[in-house]
C-alpha atoms as a PDB file:
ATOM      1  CA  MET A   1       0.000   0.000   0.000  1.00  0.00           C
ATOM      2  CA  ILE A   2       1.386   3.419  -0.900  1.00  0.00           C
ATOM      3  CA  LEU A   3       0.138   5.988   1.575  1.00  0.00           C
ATOM      4  CA  HIS A   4       1.852   9.185   0.436  1.00  0.00           C
ATOM      5  CA  PRO A   5       4.413  10.424  -2.085  1.00  0.00           C
ATOM      6  CA  PRO A   6       8.027  10.811  -0.905  1.00  0.00           C
ATOM      7  CA  GLY A   7       8.633  13.797   1.342  1.00  0.00           C
ATOM      8  CA  THR A   8       5.203  13.606   2.989  1.00  0.00           C
ATOM      9  CA  GLU A   9       4.808  12.526   6.618  1.00  0.00           C
ATOM     10  CA  PRO A  10       3.344   9.020   6.158  1.00  0.00           C
ATOM     11  CA  GLY A  11       2.637   8.251   9.827  1.00  0.00           C
ATOM     12  CA  PRO A  12      -0.875   9.694  10.223  1.00  0.00           C
ATOM     13  CA  ALA A  13      -2.066   8.160   6.939  1.00  0.00           C
ATOM     14  CA  ALA A  14      -0.641   4.778   7.911  1.00  0.00           C
ATOM     15  CA  LEU A  15      -2.328   4.966  11.306  1.00  0.00           C
ATOM     16  CA  ARG A  16      -5.674   5.835   9.662  1.00  0.00           C
ATOM     17  CA  ALA A  17      -5.279   2.789   7.396  1.00  0.00           C
ATOM     18  CA  ILE A  18      -4.286   0.431  10.218  1.00  0.00           C
ATOM     19  CA  GLN A  19      -6.704   1.525  12.964  1.00  0.00           C
ATOM     20  CA  PRO A  20      -9.980   0.154  11.453  1.00  0.00           C
ATOM     21  CA  ALA A  21      -8.380  -3.222  10.708  1.00  0.00           C
ATOM     22  CA  PHE A  22      -6.966  -3.353  14.248  1.00  0.00           C
ATOM     23  CA  GLU A  23     -10.365  -2.535  15.768  1.00  0.00           C
ATOM     24  CA  ARG A  24     -11.877  -5.436  13.811  1.00  0.00           C
ATOM     25  CA  GLY A  25      -9.169  -7.784  15.086  1.00  0.00           C
ATOM     26  CA  LEU A  26      -7.591  -8.225  11.655  1.00  0.00           C
ATOM     27  CA  VAL A  27      -4.096  -7.055  12.617  1.00  0.00           C
ATOM     28  CA  LYS A  28      -1.835  -8.756  15.130  1.00  0.00           C
ATOM     29  CA  ASP A  29       1.683  -8.282  16.458  1.00  0.00           C
ATOM     30  CA  PRO A  30       3.978  -8.024  14.416  1.00  0.00           C
ATOM     31  CA  PHE A  31       1.905  -7.024  11.480  1.00  0.00           C
ATOM     32  CA  CYS A  32       3.616  -5.087   8.687  1.00  0.00           C
ATOM     33  CA  ALA A  33       6.816  -4.506   6.804  1.00  0.00           C
ATOM     34  CA  ASP A  34       7.736  -0.901   7.535  1.00  0.00           C
ATOM     35  CA  ARG A  35       9.634   0.252   4.468  1.00  0.00           C
ATOM     36  CA  GLY A  36       8.631   3.812   3.624  1.00  0.00           C
ATOM     37  CA  ILE A  37       7.373   4.474   7.099  1.00  0.00           C
ATOM     38  CA  THR A  38      10.822   4.397   8.671  1.00  0.00           C
ATOM     39  CA  GLN A  39      10.990   8.134   8.017  1.00  0.00           C
ATOM     40  CA  ALA A  40       7.708   8.652   9.900  1.00  0.00           C
ATOM     41  CA  LYS A  41       8.039  10.627  13.088  1.00  0.00           C
ATOM     42  CA  PRO A  42       7.839   8.207  16.032  1.00  0.00           C
ATOM     43  CA  HIS A  43       5.062  10.143  17.785  1.00  0.00           C
ATOM     44  CA  ASN A  44       2.946  10.077  14.605  1.00  0.00           C
ATOM     45  CA  LEU A  45       3.084   6.326  14.053  1.00  0.00           C
ATOM     46  CA  HIS A  46       5.430   4.031  15.939  1.00  0.00           C
ATOM     47  CA  LEU A  47       4.516   5.151  19.461  1.00  0.00           C
ATOM     48  CA  GLN A  48       0.833   5.038  18.497  1.00  0.00           C
ATOM     49  CA  LEU A  49       1.261   1.457  17.290  1.00  0.00           C
ATOM     50  CA  LEU A  50       3.041   0.526  20.504  1.00  0.00           C
ATOM     51  CA  LYS A  51       0.096   1.922  22.504  1.00  0.00           C
ATOM     52  CA  LEU A  52      -2.144  -0.476  20.565  1.00  0.00           C
ATOM     53  CA  GLY A  53       0.234  -3.299  21.434  1.00  0.00           C
ATOM     54  CA  LEU A  54       1.428  -3.638  17.839  1.00  0.00           C
ATOM     55  CA  ASN A  55       5.042  -3.991  16.833  1.00  0.00           C
ATOM     56  CA  ALA A  56       5.825  -2.902  13.278  1.00  0.00           C
ATOM     57  CA  VAL A  57       8.451  -4.888  11.405  1.00  0.00           C
ATOM     58  CA  LYS A  58      10.968  -2.220  10.464  1.00  0.00           C
ATOM     59  CA  HIS A  59      13.162  -1.972   7.391  1.00  0.00           C
ATOM     60  CA  TYR A  60      16.346  -1.223   9.305  1.00  0.00           C
ATOM     61  CA  ASN A  61      18.548  -3.465  11.395  1.00  0.00           C
ATOM     62  CA  ASP A  62      18.118  -3.675  15.168  1.00  0.00           C
ATOM     63  CA  ASP A  63      21.440  -1.879  15.646  1.00  0.00           C
ATOM     64  CA  LYS A  64      19.928   1.169  13.872  1.00  0.00           C
ATOM     65  CA  VAL A  65      16.768   1.258  15.990  1.00  0.00           C
ATOM     66  CA  ASP A  66      18.376   3.530  18.567  1.00  0.00           C
ATOM     67  CA  ARG A  67      21.418   5.770  18.017  1.00  0.00           C
ATOM     68  CA  GLN A  68      21.874   6.183  14.284  1.00  0.00           C
ATOM     69  CA  GLY A  69      24.515   8.890  14.257  1.00  0.00           C
ATOM     70  CA  GLU A  70      25.384  12.437  15.185  1.00  0.00           C
ATOM     71  CA  ILE A  71      25.105  15.718  13.325  1.00  0.00           C
ATOM     72  CA  ARG A  72      26.499  18.991  14.729  1.00  0.00           C
ATOM     73  CA  GLY A  73      26.449  17.575  18.248  1.00  0.00           C
ATOM     74  CA  MET A  74      22.840  16.407  18.094  1.00  0.00           C
ATOM     75  CA  GLN A  75      22.177  12.674  18.362  1.00  0.00           C
ATOM     76  CA  LEU A  76      20.025  10.986  15.746  1.00  0.00           C
ATOM     77  CA  VAL A  77      18.005   8.386  17.666  1.00  0.00           C
ATOM     78  CA  GLY A  78      15.168   6.462  16.055  1.00  0.00           C
ATOM     79  CA  GLY A  79      14.906   8.978  13.223  1.00  0.00           C
ATOM     80  CA  GLU A  80      14.680  12.074  15.457  1.00  0.00           C
ATOM     81  CA  PHE A  81      17.288  14.511  16.788  1.00  0.00           C
ATOM     82  CA  TYR A  82      17.968  14.715  20.514  1.00  0.00           C
ATOM     83  CA  CYS A  83      20.163  16.580  22.975  1.00  0.00           C
ATOM     84  CA  PRO A  84      23.665  15.085  23.253  1.00  0.00           C
ATOM     85  CA  LEU A  85      23.140  14.685  27.025  1.00  0.00           C
ATOM     86  CA  MET A  86      20.183  12.301  26.721  1.00  0.00           C
ATOM     87  CA  PRO A  87      20.758   9.399  29.167  1.00  0.00           C
ATOM     88  CA  THR A  88      21.919   6.085  27.709  1.00  0.00           C
ATOM     89  CA  PRO A  89      18.850   4.100  28.894  1.00  0.00           C
ATOM     90  CA  LEU A  90      16.660   6.404  26.798  1.00  0.00           C
ATOM     91  CA  ILE A  91      18.960   6.050  23.788  1.00  0.00           C
ATOM     92  CA  THR A  92      18.911   2.247  23.952  1.00  0.00           C
ATOM     93  CA  ALA A  93      15.199   1.928  24.797  1.00  0.00           C
ATOM     94  CA  GLY A  94      14.313   0.707  21.283  1.00  0.00           C
ATOM     95  CA  ALA A  95      16.710  -2.228  21.457  1.00  0.00           C
ATOM     96  CA  THR A  96      15.497  -2.904  25.004  1.00  0.00           C
ATOM     97  CA  TYR A  97      11.927  -3.053  23.707  1.00  0.00           C
ATOM     98  CA  ILE A  98      12.894  -5.501  20.956  1.00  0.00           C
ATOM     99  CA  ASP A  99      14.534  -7.860  23.473  1.00  0.00           C
ATOM    100  CA  ILE A 100      11.762  -7.884  26.098  1.00  0.00           C
ATOM    101  CA  ARG A 101       9.781 -10.954  27.069  1.00  0.00           C
ATOM    102  CA  THR A 102       7.280  -9.749  29.721  1.00  0.00           C
ATOM    103  CA  ASP A 103       4.466  -7.197  29.794  1.00  0.00           C
ATOM    104  CA  GLU A 104       6.124  -5.426  32.714  1.00  0.00           C
ATOM    105  CA  ASP A 105       9.372  -5.004  30.763  1.00  0.00           C
ATOM    106  CA  ARG A 106       7.374  -3.878  27.711  1.00  0.00           C
ATOM    107  CA  ALA A 107       5.669  -1.149  29.753  1.00  0.00           C
ATOM    108  CA  HIS A 108       9.031  -0.015  31.146  1.00  0.00           C
ATOM    109  CA  ALA A 109      10.618   0.150  27.674  1.00  0.00           C
ATOM    110  CA  LEU A 110       7.640   2.109  26.300  1.00  0.00           C
ATOM    111  CA  ASN A 111       7.945   4.534  29.189  1.00  0.00           C
ATOM    112  CA  LEU A 112      11.627   5.044  28.346  1.00  0.00           C
ATOM    113  CA  ILE A 113      10.831   5.639  24.662  1.00  0.00           C
ATOM    114  CA  GLN A 114       8.149   8.181  25.566  1.00  0.00           C
ATOM    115  CA  SER A 115      10.540   9.881  28.007  1.00  0.00           C
ATOM    116  CA  ARG A 116      12.815  10.737  25.081  1.00  0.00           C
ATOM    117  CA  LYS A 117      10.513  13.631  24.131  1.00  0.00           C
ATOM    118  CA  ASP A 118      11.955  15.771  26.918  1.00  0.00           C
ATOM    119  CA  TYR A 119      15.318  15.642  25.135  1.00  0.00           C
ATOM    120  CA  GLN A 120      14.036  16.072  21.573  1.00  0.00           C
ATOM    121  CA  THR A 121      15.294  19.111  19.678  1.00  0.00           C
ATOM    122  CA  LYS A 122      12.751  21.747  18.801  1.00  0.00           C
ATOM    123  CA  ILE A 123      12.571  23.687  15.550  1.00  0.00           C
ATOM    124  CA  LYS A 124      12.499  27.435  16.151  1.00  0.00           C
END
């Protein structure tokens, strides 16, 4: 399914396409190959899917799920830019989530991922 042309934020459109199928019980965890959606902003798609209990199959390796690089001192983590002083547990929360086995650990990892927003860079 092609949701948007390149350069458009695909997260909201993907969520609108997935939500009705999820509500009908047609989608289960893990449920999709996330190719073009890897550039979606996490708060627009991936965190929303995690709230539903869904885990998208991503098109990048597990070692790229967290810290992907650095540009001008800002850390690129999970496709977003963050303060260079963001604590390591928040940086590695994506890999932690992938490796979890219990609901309690899942909730903790999701909390860490959501806590990243306090360190996210803001566009002025």
